[in-house]
Amino acid sequence: MQSLNPATCEVLKNYPEHTSSEVNKILEKVQQEWQSWKETSFAYRGELFSKAANILRTNKDFYARLMTTEMGKILRESQAEIEKCANACEFFAKESGNLLKDQILASDASRSLVVFQPLGVILAVMPWNFPFWQVFRFAAPTMMAGNAAVLKHSSNVPGCALAIESIFRDAGFPENIFRTLMIPSKDVEPVIAHPHIMAVTLTGSESAGIQVAGTAGKHIKKTVLELGGSDSFIVLEDADMDKAVQIAVTARMINQGQSCIAAKRFIVVESRVKEFEEKIKVALESLVIGDPLEIATNVGPMARKDLVDEIDAQVQESIRKGARLILGGKRPNRDGYYYLPTILTEVRKGFPVYDQETFGPVVAIIPVKDEEEAVIVANDSIFGLGGSVWTKDLKRGEAVARKINTGAVFVNGLTKSDPRLPFGGIKKSGYGRELSEYGIKEFVNIKTIWIC
């Protein structure tokens, strides 16, 4: 495996892959370790996760720099990601015992209850775009529930994968309760099929979800899938436009637009379209494109060359079909995998930036007549991950949010994940939930006990 800096195209380091024999030995060790781990208390596990949070914060700059050099995220976003991981560790360290406490239910028995017990070894297949957060949002609830964890990380962030494994060891976790498998995607299928793997969670593309779910289904193993998104950002006629544009820039440009829950389709009522176009153009033009390690930089490189090629192809095809280019639409004249912040307007159904997930810094503006049409357009997607609604009338905002067919809708706020709230999608954005009470219960045996 190769770690490559997308800002310079420099090879940072090569990493040896695990052989199939090494993978099997690791899975055996994890299974053995789980036998004792599942008997530990919430208090003990929580103490270790609190130590992991402290390690993350103490070494935040080191981990952030590693993340930035491996996949291009600007440094301050990497630092914020490490802090978010630490917060998740602390939340589940504190709350898991309450979230998984026994539930007493009425029945024809003298006593009947539901208990939540760990399943065993859980495989996580994780992406590169949030290389620390995606792992910790899986690991914290899953391991606090008493499961063991095996990570197959994206092949372009091997340094991050091994760093995370080291964090758990340094925090005092048993050596084999969290392990990283250094394997390519083609070697994932036999891992899913392995008898010690009890369930699989994947964050990634629709095609990866199909492959993982198909293999897991063949072996009757549960899956949780968090796949692509084409989130709507609905701006109604009574929106606070300055606030909406401010958040729109963050919602689209975070991680260079490489986020499943980034706002991608900007659905704006016709009476406010011109104002939205003008203000977001000014805002995007003010962003500094540069070295992601420099604090002044707002826009860094995309993670890989193929991603730049793909987003450019979507933009050019949309222009050919009739979209009007307001800003960007090309690569800048510099080394690295950069793409200029781009605005397309007069976007319609049938354009790639309307129909497909755009994983890059592209704002697609879709004018609509009114609220009713905005809801229709928002729901006119194969995806159903998140979205937002902008209006000064909060009751109206909630009413519109209830009509949007996604896993989450934020009214007058940035769509984001939070350990206290369930996260996940519907339609081709996947199924199942991560985080909160709903996420921690995905990988437990919900067992009924009936007592005469």
Protein backbone atom coordinates (compact mmCIF):
# COMPACT_ATOMS: atom_id res chain seq x y z
CA MET A 1 0.00 0.00 0.00
CA GLN A 2 1.17 3.47 -0.82
CA SER A 3 0.66 6.74 1.02
CA LEU A 4 0.72 9.66 -1.42
CA ASN A 5 0.43 13.39 -0.68
CA PRO A 6 -2.33 14.71 -2.97
CA ALA A 7 -1.04 18.28 -2.68
CA THR A 8 2.37 17.41 -4.13
CA CYS A 9 1.89 13.94 -5.68
CA GLU A 10 4.86 12.85 -3.54
CA VAL A 11 4.99 9.26 -2.33
CA LEU A 12 5.24 9.45 1.45
CA LYS A 13 5.68 5.81 2.38
CA ASN A 14 5.04 2.26 1.21
CA TYR A 15 3.40 -0.24 3.54
CA PRO A 16 3.48 -4.05 3.28
CA GLU A 17 0.14 -5.80 2.91
CA HIS A 18 -1.01 -8.64 5.13
CA THR A 19 -1.06 -12.06 3.51
CA SER A 20 -4.17 -14.24 3.77
CA SER A 21 -2.37 -16.36 6.36
CA GLU A 22 -1.57 -13.27 8.45
CA VAL A 23 -5.17 -12.10 8.20
CA ASN A 24 -6.45 -15.44 9.49
CA LYS A 25 -4.02 -15.33 12.41
CA ILE A 26 -5.16 -11.82 13.31
CA LEU A 27 -8.83 -12.86 13.23
CA GLU A 28 -8.08 -15.83 15.49
CA LYS A 29 -6.35 -13.55 17.99
CA VAL A 30 -9.19 -11.04 17.94
CA GLN A 31 -11.75 -13.79 18.51
CA GLN A 32 -9.79 -15.10 21.48
CA GLU A 33 -9.41 -11.61 22.93
CA TRP A 34 -13.14 -10.98 22.61
CA GLN A 35 -13.96 -13.91 24.90
CA SER A 36 -12.65 -11.95 27.86
CA TRP A 37 -13.44 -8.46 26.58
CA LYS A 38 -17.18 -9.18 26.42
CA GLU A 39 -17.15 -9.88 30.17
CA THR A 40 -15.63 -6.52 31.09
CA SER A 41 -17.74 -3.76 32.63
CA PHE A 42 -18.93 -0.56 31.02
CA ALA A 43 -16.87 1.30 33.60
CA TYR A 44 -13.68 -0.47 32.56
CA ARG A 45 -14.29 0.05 28.85
CA GLY A 46 -15.24 3.66 29.49
CA GLU A 47 -12.01 4.31 31.34
CA LEU A 48 -10.04 3.08 28.34
CA PHE A 49 -12.03 5.21 25.92
CA SER A 50 -11.46 8.23 28.13
CA LYS A 51 -7.73 7.54 27.87
CA ALA A 52 -8.07 7.25 24.09
CA ALA A 53 -9.76 10.67 24.05
CA ASN A 54 -6.88 12.13 26.01
CA ILE A 55 -4.31 10.62 23.60
CA LEU A 56 -6.20 12.08 20.65
CA ARG A 57 -6.20 15.56 22.14
CA THR A 58 -2.61 15.42 23.37
CA ASN A 59 -1.37 14.41 19.93
CA LYS A 60 -3.94 16.33 17.90
CA ASP A 61 -1.45 18.23 15.76
CA PHE A 62 0.46 15.06 14.87
CA TYR A 63 -2.64 13.13 13.85
CA ALA A 64 -4.07 16.14 11.99
CA ARG A 65 -0.89 16.58 9.98
CA LEU A 66 -0.86 12.87 9.15
CA MET A 67 -4.44 13.10 7.91
CA THR A 68 -3.76 16.20 5.84
CA THR A 69 -0.67 14.81 4.15
CA GLU A 70 -2.34 11.49 3.32
CA MET A 71 -5.66 12.69 1.89
CA GLY A 72 -5.48 16.47 1.49
CA LYS A 73 -7.94 17.78 4.10
CA ILE A 74 -6.99 21.32 5.18
CA LEU A 75 -5.19 21.33 8.52
CA ARG A 76 -7.80 23.06 10.66
CA GLU A 77 -10.47 20.63 9.45
CA SER A 78 -8.15 17.75 10.37
CA GLN A 79 -7.68 19.23 13.83
CA ALA A 80 -11.44 19.58 14.25
CA GLU A 81 -11.88 15.95 13.18
CA ILE A 82 -9.52 14.73 15.90
CA GLU A 83 -11.43 16.74 18.49
CA LYS A 84 -14.70 15.24 17.25
CA CYS A 85 -13.25 11.73 17.67
CA ALA A 86 -12.27 12.53 21.25
CA ASN A 87 -15.79 13.83 21.96
CA ALA A 88 -17.32 10.61 20.64
CA CYS A 89 -15.02 8.52 22.83
CA GLU A 90 -16.09 10.50 25.88
CA PHE A 91 -19.79 10.41 25.02
CA PHE A 92 -19.94 6.64 24.65
CA ALA A 93 -17.62 6.11 27.62
CA LYS A 94 -20.17 7.94 29.74
CA GLU A 95 -23.49 6.93 28.19
CA SER A 96 -23.15 3.33 26.92
CA GLY A 97 -24.22 1.77 30.21
CA ASN A 98 -27.45 3.78 30.14
CA LEU A 99 -28.06 3.20 26.44
CA LEU A 100 -27.72 -0.58 26.86
CA LYS A 101 -29.30 -1.08 30.26
CA ASP A 102 -31.81 -3.91 30.63
CA GLN A 103 -35.41 -3.08 29.78
CA ILE A 104 -38.20 -4.55 31.92
CA LEU A 105 -41.33 -5.27 29.87
CA ALA A 106 -44.78 -6.43 30.86
CA SER A 107 -45.88 -9.89 29.69
CA ASP A 108 -47.56 -13.03 30.99
CA ALA A 109 -44.40 -13.86 32.95
CA SER A 110 -43.62 -12.91 36.52
CA ARG A 111 -40.64 -11.07 35.06
CA SER A 112 -39.65 -10.43 31.46
CA LEU A 113 -36.84 -8.29 30.20
CA VAL A 114 -34.74 -7.41 27.20
CA VAL A 115 -30.96 -7.47 27.48
CA PHE A 116 -28.38 -6.20 24.99
CA GLN A 117 -25.35 -8.42 24.52
CA PRO A 118 -22.38 -8.09 22.14
CA LEU A 119 -22.31 -10.08 18.91
CA GLY A 120 -18.57 -10.68 18.64
CA VAL A 121 -16.03 -9.52 16.07
CA ILE A 122 -17.31 -6.72 13.81
CA LEU A 123 -15.61 -5.80 10.54
CA ALA A 124 -15.53 -2.13 9.51
CA VAL A 125 -14.76 -1.19 5.91
CA MET A 126 -14.02 2.52 6.07
CA PRO A 127 -13.36 5.34 3.55
CA TRP A 128 -10.59 7.90 3.20
CA ASN A 129 -12.54 11.17 3.39
CA PHE A 130 -12.80 11.30 7.20
CA PRO A 131 -10.06 8.79 8.01
CA PHE A 132 -10.20 9.19 11.80
CA TRP A 133 -13.82 10.17 12.42
CA GLN A 134 -15.40 7.36 10.38
CA VAL A 135 -13.41 4.80 12.36
CA PHE A 136 -14.07 6.25 15.81
CA ARG A 137 -17.78 6.75 15.18
CA PHE A 138 -17.89 3.00 14.50
CA ALA A 139 -15.40 1.85 17.13
CA ALA A 140 -16.60 3.80 20.17
CA PRO A 141 -20.17 2.46 20.34
CA THR A 142 -19.27 -0.96 18.94
CA MET A 143 -16.47 -1.67 21.39
CA MET A 144 -18.25 -0.04 24.35
CA ALA A 145 -21.08 -2.52 23.64
CA GLY A 146 -18.56 -5.33 24.22
CA ASN A 147 -17.68 -6.21 20.65
CA ALA A 148 -14.22 -6.55 19.14
CA ALA A 149 -13.33 -4.54 16.03
CA VAL A 150 -11.41 -5.25 12.85
CA LEU A 151 -10.71 -2.39 10.44
CA LYS A 152 -10.17 -2.54 6.70
CA HIS A 153 -9.37 1.08 5.92
CA SER A 154 -9.12 2.73 2.52
CA SER A 155 -5.86 1.87 0.79
CA ASN A 156 -4.76 5.49 0.39
CA VAL A 157 -4.71 6.22 4.16
CA PRO A 158 -2.62 3.37 5.60
CA GLY A 159 -0.76 5.70 7.95
CA CYS A 160 -4.03 6.83 9.53
CA ALA A 161 -5.20 3.23 9.88
CA LEU A 162 -2.09 2.15 11.77
CA ALA A 163 -2.09 5.31 13.89
CA ILE A 164 -5.62 4.53 15.08
CA GLU A 165 -4.60 0.99 16.01
CA SER A 166 -1.71 2.47 18.03
CA ILE A 167 -4.05 4.85 19.86
CA PHE A 168 -6.07 1.94 21.22
CA ARG A 169 -2.97 0.10 22.33
CA ASP A 170 -1.48 3.19 23.96
CA ALA A 171 -4.76 3.74 25.81
CA GLY A 172 -4.42 0.30 27.39
CA PHE A 173 -6.92 -1.69 25.34
CA PRO A 174 -6.08 -5.39 24.97
CA GLU A 175 -3.67 -5.78 22.05
CA ASN A 176 -6.05 -7.68 19.82
CA ILE A 177 -9.41 -6.10 20.58
CA PHE A 178 -8.95 -3.61 17.73
CA ARG A 179 -6.85 -4.61 14.74
CA THR A 180 -6.16 -3.11 11.34
CA LEU A 181 -6.00 -5.36 8.28
CA MET A 182 -3.63 -4.04 5.63
CA ILE A 183 -5.42 -5.55 2.65
CA PRO A 184 -6.76 -4.29 -0.71
CA SER A 185 -10.47 -4.18 -1.45
CA LYS A 186 -10.33 -7.39 -3.47
CA ASP A 187 -9.38 -9.32 -0.32
CA VAL A 188 -12.35 -8.17 1.76
CA GLU A 189 -14.77 -10.91 0.64
CA PRO A 190 -12.99 -13.81 2.40
CA VAL A 191 -12.76 -11.71 5.57
CA ILE A 192 -16.53 -11.16 5.56
CA ALA A 193 -17.00 -14.89 5.01
CA HIS A 194 -14.69 -15.81 7.90
CA PRO A 195 -16.60 -17.57 10.70
CA HIS A 196 -15.28 -15.19 13.35
CA ILE A 197 -16.78 -12.12 11.66
CA MET A 198 -20.32 -11.66 12.97
CA ALA A 199 -21.34 -8.45 11.17
CA VAL A 200 -20.04 -5.77 8.83
CA THR A 201 -20.37 -2.00 8.67
CA LEU A 202 -19.34 -0.07 5.58
CA THR A 203 -19.10 3.61 4.77
CA GLY A 204 -18.38 4.11 1.10
CA SER A 205 -19.75 4.09 -2.41
CA GLU A 206 -22.95 2.50 -3.68
CA SER A 207 -20.94 -0.11 -5.60
CA ALA A 208 -18.92 -1.04 -2.51
CA GLY A 209 -22.14 -1.34 -0.52
CA ILE A 210 -23.60 -3.73 -3.09
CA GLN A 211 -20.52 -5.95 -2.93
CA VAL A 212 -20.28 -5.99 0.86
CA ALA A 213 -24.00 -6.50 1.43
CA GLY A 214 -24.10 -9.26 -1.19
CA THR A 215 -21.24 -11.17 0.40
CA ALA A 216 -22.60 -10.68 3.91
CA GLY A 217 -26.05 -11.77 2.80
CA LYS A 218 -24.66 -15.00 1.38
CA HIS A 219 -23.26 -15.78 4.82
CA ILE A 220 -26.28 -14.45 6.76
CA LYS A 221 -24.39 -11.64 8.47
CA LYS A 222 -25.86 -8.31 9.40
CA THR A 223 -24.69 -5.15 7.66
CA VAL A 224 -24.95 -1.43 8.27
CA LEU A 225 -24.32 0.67 5.16
CA GLU A 226 -23.68 4.41 4.95
CA LEU A 227 -23.29 5.14 1.26
CA GLY A 228 -23.48 8.14 -1.03
CA GLY A 229 -25.58 11.23 -0.77
CA SER A 230 -26.89 14.11 -2.86
CA ASP A 231 -28.13 16.32 -0.07
CA SER A 232 -30.53 19.14 -0.83
CA PHE A 233 -30.04 22.66 0.55
CA ILE A 234 -33.46 24.29 0.25
CA VAL A 235 -33.58 28.09 0.36
CA LEU A 236 -37.14 29.37 0.71
CA GLU A 237 -38.26 32.93 -0.06
CA ASP A 238 -38.18 34.00 3.61
CA ALA A 239 -34.68 32.67 4.36
CA ASP A 240 -31.99 34.76 6.04
CA MET A 241 -29.86 34.85 2.90
CA ASP A 242 -26.62 36.00 4.49
CA LYS A 243 -26.72 33.16 7.03
CA ALA A 244 -27.81 30.65 4.39
CA VAL A 245 -24.92 31.57 2.09
CA GLN A 246 -22.41 31.51 4.95
CA ILE A 247 -23.41 27.96 5.89
CA ALA A 248 -23.80 26.95 2.24
CA VAL A 249 -20.10 27.61 1.65
CA THR A 250 -19.13 25.39 4.58
CA ALA A 251 -21.74 22.78 3.71
CA ARG A 252 -20.40 22.44 0.16
CA MET A 253 -16.68 23.09 0.62
CA ILE A 254 -15.91 21.07 3.75
CA ASN A 255 -13.23 18.53 2.90
CA GLN A 256 -13.12 19.99 -0.63
CA GLY A 257 -16.69 18.80 -1.09
CA GLN A 258 -15.70 15.18 -0.49
CA SER A 259 -18.36 14.33 2.07
CA CYS A 260 -21.44 12.14 1.88
CA ILE A 261 -23.48 14.74 3.78
CA ALA A 262 -22.07 17.79 2.01
CA ALA A 263 -24.81 19.96 0.50
CA LYS A 264 -24.80 19.19 -3.20
CA ARG A 265 -28.09 20.33 -4.75
CA PHE A 266 -28.94 23.96 -3.86
CA ILE A 267 -32.67 24.27 -4.42
CA VAL A 268 -33.57 27.97 -4.37
CA VAL A 269 -36.95 29.62 -4.97
CA GLU A 270 -36.87 31.78 -8.11
CA SER A 271 -37.45 35.06 -6.28
CA ARG A 272 -34.14 34.61 -4.40
CA VAL A 273 -31.99 32.81 -6.99
CA LYS A 274 -30.14 35.85 -8.33
CA GLU A 275 -29.29 37.03 -4.81
CA PHE A 276 -28.08 33.56 -3.82
CA GLU A 277 -25.94 33.28 -6.98
CA GLU A 278 -24.30 36.65 -6.44
CA LYS A 279 -23.56 36.17 -2.75
CA ILE A 280 -22.22 32.63 -2.96
CA LYS A 281 -20.01 33.64 -5.91
CA VAL A 282 -18.45 36.43 -3.82
CA ALA A 283 -17.98 34.04 -0.89
CA LEU A 284 -16.31 31.30 -2.98
CA GLU A 285 -14.08 33.78 -4.79
CA SER A 286 -12.66 34.88 -1.42
CA LEU A 287 -11.46 31.37 -0.52
CA VAL A 288 -7.71 30.77 -0.53
CA ILE A 289 -6.53 27.78 -2.56
CA GLY A 290 -3.20 26.41 -1.42
CA ASP A 291 -1.11 24.10 0.69
CA PRO A 292 -3.50 22.30 3.08
CA LEU A 293 -0.87 22.47 5.83
CA GLU A 294 -1.04 26.28 5.80
CA ILE A 295 -3.58 27.69 8.24
CA ALA A 296 -4.62 30.41 5.76
CA THR A 297 -5.71 27.82 3.19
CA ASN A 298 -9.46 27.31 2.70
CA VAL A 299 -9.32 24.93 -0.27
CA GLY A 300 -6.84 22.08 -0.51
CA PRO A 301 -6.46 19.29 -3.03
CA MET A 302 -8.88 16.49 -3.66
CA ALA A 303 -7.70 13.09 -2.47
CA ARG A 304 -6.86 11.42 -5.80
CA LYS A 305 -6.47 12.21 -9.48
CA ASP A 306 -9.37 9.98 -10.51
CA LEU A 307 -11.68 12.01 -8.26
CA VAL A 308 -10.63 15.23 -9.99
CA ASP A 309 -11.23 13.62 -13.37
CA GLU A 310 -14.67 12.43 -12.30
CA ILE A 311 -15.91 15.75 -10.92
CA ASP A 312 -14.61 17.60 -13.98
CA ALA A 313 -16.42 15.17 -16.29
CA GLN A 314 -19.68 15.75 -14.38
CA VAL A 315 -19.25 19.53 -14.63
CA GLN A 316 -18.39 19.57 -18.35
CA GLU A 317 -21.26 17.23 -19.27
CA SER A 318 -23.70 19.37 -17.27
CA ILE A 319 -22.50 22.50 -19.11
CA ARG A 320 -22.94 20.73 -22.45
CA LYS A 321 -26.51 19.88 -21.44
CA GLY A 322 -27.34 23.50 -20.60
CA ALA A 323 -26.09 24.41 -17.13
CA ARG A 324 -24.68 27.94 -16.90
CA LEU A 325 -21.18 28.25 -15.44
CA ILE A 326 -20.80 31.10 -12.97
CA LEU A 327 -17.45 30.25 -11.39
CA GLY A 328 -14.59 27.75 -11.72
CA GLY A 329 -15.23 24.65 -13.76
CA LYS A 330 -11.62 23.65 -14.23
CA ARG A 331 -8.36 22.64 -12.62
CA PRO A 332 -6.06 25.44 -11.44
CA ASN A 333 -2.59 25.78 -12.92
CA ARG A 334 -0.65 24.16 -10.09
CA ASP A 335 0.70 20.80 -9.00
CA GLY A 336 -1.48 18.42 -7.02
CA TYR A 337 -5.06 17.19 -7.31
CA TYR A 338 -6.82 20.54 -7.13
CA TYR A 339 -10.15 21.64 -8.59
CA LEU A 340 -11.47 25.20 -8.48
CA PRO A 341 -14.60 26.00 -6.46
CA THR A 342 -17.34 25.82 -9.06
CA ILE A 343 -20.86 27.19 -9.40
CA LEU A 344 -23.36 25.91 -11.95
CA THR A 345 -26.86 27.33 -12.18
CA GLU A 346 -30.00 26.64 -14.21
CA VAL A 347 -29.42 22.99 -13.35
CA ARG A 348 -32.19 20.56 -14.30
CA LYS A 349 -33.03 16.89 -14.11
CA GLY A 350 -30.89 14.89 -16.52
CA PHE A 351 -27.70 16.81 -15.74
CA PRO A 352 -24.97 14.79 -13.94
CA VAL A 353 -24.78 17.40 -11.15
CA TYR A 354 -28.53 16.90 -10.56
CA ASP A 355 -28.79 13.14 -10.88
CA GLN A 356 -25.45 11.92 -9.51
CA GLU A 357 -23.46 12.37 -6.35
CA THR A 358 -20.88 15.11 -6.89
CA PHE A 359 -17.90 14.40 -4.67
CA GLY A 360 -16.04 17.67 -5.08
CA PRO A 361 -16.28 21.49 -4.71
CA VAL A 362 -19.25 22.05 -7.04
CA VAL A 363 -22.36 24.08 -6.20
CA ALA A 364 -25.33 23.04 -8.36
CA ILE A 365 -28.14 25.62 -8.17
CA ILE A 366 -31.63 24.39 -9.08
CA PRO A 367 -34.27 27.17 -9.35
CA VAL A 368 -37.81 26.24 -8.28
CA LYS A 369 -41.12 28.11 -8.27
CA ASP A 370 -42.09 27.57 -4.63
CA GLU A 371 -41.91 25.38 -1.54
CA GLU A 372 -43.98 22.61 -3.09
CA GLU A 373 -41.65 22.25 -6.05
CA ALA A 374 -38.62 22.47 -3.73
CA VAL A 375 -39.85 19.40 -1.83
CA ILE A 376 -40.49 17.51 -5.08
CA VAL A 377 -36.96 18.26 -6.34
CA ALA A 378 -35.38 17.43 -2.99
CA ASN A 379 -37.03 14.01 -3.06
CA ASP A 380 -36.19 13.46 -6.72
CA SER A 381 -32.99 11.56 -5.95
CA ILE A 382 -31.87 7.97 -5.65
CA PHE A 383 -30.14 9.03 -2.43
CA GLY A 384 -31.60 9.83 0.97
CA LEU A 385 -28.91 10.76 3.47
CA GLY A 386 -29.39 14.32 4.72
CA GLY A 387 -30.47 17.82 3.83
CA SER A 388 -31.34 21.24 5.14
CA VAL A 389 -34.14 23.82 4.91
CA TRP A 390 -33.68 27.57 5.24
CA THR A 391 -36.60 29.73 6.42
CA LYS A 392 -37.25 32.27 9.17
CA ASP A 393 -40.45 30.42 10.08
CA LEU A 394 -39.30 27.49 12.23
CA LYS A 395 -42.70 25.79 12.20
CA ARG A 396 -42.66 25.95 8.43
CA GLY A 397 -39.12 24.60 8.43
CA GLU A 398 -40.13 21.61 10.53
CA ALA A 399 -43.14 20.94 8.31
CA VAL A 400 -40.94 20.95 5.20
CA ALA A 401 -38.33 18.79 6.94
CA ARG A 402 -40.97 16.14 7.64
CA LYS A 403 -41.66 15.91 3.89
CA ILE A 404 -38.03 15.31 2.88
CA ASN A 405 -37.23 11.61 2.39
CA THR A 406 -33.82 11.37 4.06
CA GLY A 407 -32.25 10.10 7.26
CA ALA A 408 -31.83 13.62 8.61
CA VAL A 409 -32.93 17.17 7.87
CA PHE A 410 -31.52 20.27 9.56
CA VAL A 411 -33.52 23.50 9.72
CA ASN A 412 -31.32 26.60 9.46
CA GLY A 413 -28.20 24.62 10.27
CA LEU A 414 -25.29 22.68 8.83
CA THR A 415 -26.06 19.01 8.22
CA LYS A 416 -23.62 17.08 10.42
CA SER A 417 -23.19 14.00 12.57
CA ASP A 418 -23.38 14.14 16.36
CA PRO A 419 -22.77 11.24 18.81
CA ARG A 420 -26.07 12.08 20.54
CA LEU A 421 -28.15 11.75 17.35
CA PRO A 422 -28.68 8.80 14.98
CA PHE A 423 -26.90 9.03 11.65
CA GLY A 424 -27.67 7.16 8.44
CA GLY A 425 -29.75 7.16 5.30
CA ILE A 426 -32.46 5.53 3.22
CA LYS A 427 -32.80 4.58 -0.44
CA LYS A 428 -29.36 4.17 -2.06
CA SER A 429 -27.71 6.03 0.78
CA GLY A 430 -27.86 2.78 2.73
CA TYR A 431 -29.57 1.44 5.83
CA GLY A 432 -29.03 1.10 9.54
CA ARG A 433 -27.86 3.80 11.90
CA GLU A 434 -24.63 4.88 13.54
CA LEU A 435 -24.16 6.86 16.77
CA SER A 436 -26.65 7.47 19.61
CA GLU A 437 -28.84 4.78 21.16
CA TYR A 438 -29.86 3.55 17.70
CA GLY A 439 -26.30 3.07 16.50
CA ILE A 440 -24.98 1.28 19.57
CA LYS A 441 -27.84 -1.23 19.28
CA GLU A 442 -27.03 -2.20 15.67
CA PHE A 443 -24.38 -4.72 16.73
CA VAL A 444 -25.89 -6.32 19.81
CA ASN A 445 -28.08 -9.33 20.39
CA ILE A 446 -31.43 -7.95 21.53
CA LYS A 447 -32.35 -10.88 23.73
CA THR A 448 -35.67 -11.54 25.44
CA ILE A 449 -35.58 -13.27 28.82
CA TRP A 450 -38.92 -14.65 30.14
CA ILE A 451 -39.17 -15.87 33.71
CA CYS A 452 -42.16 -17.89 34.90
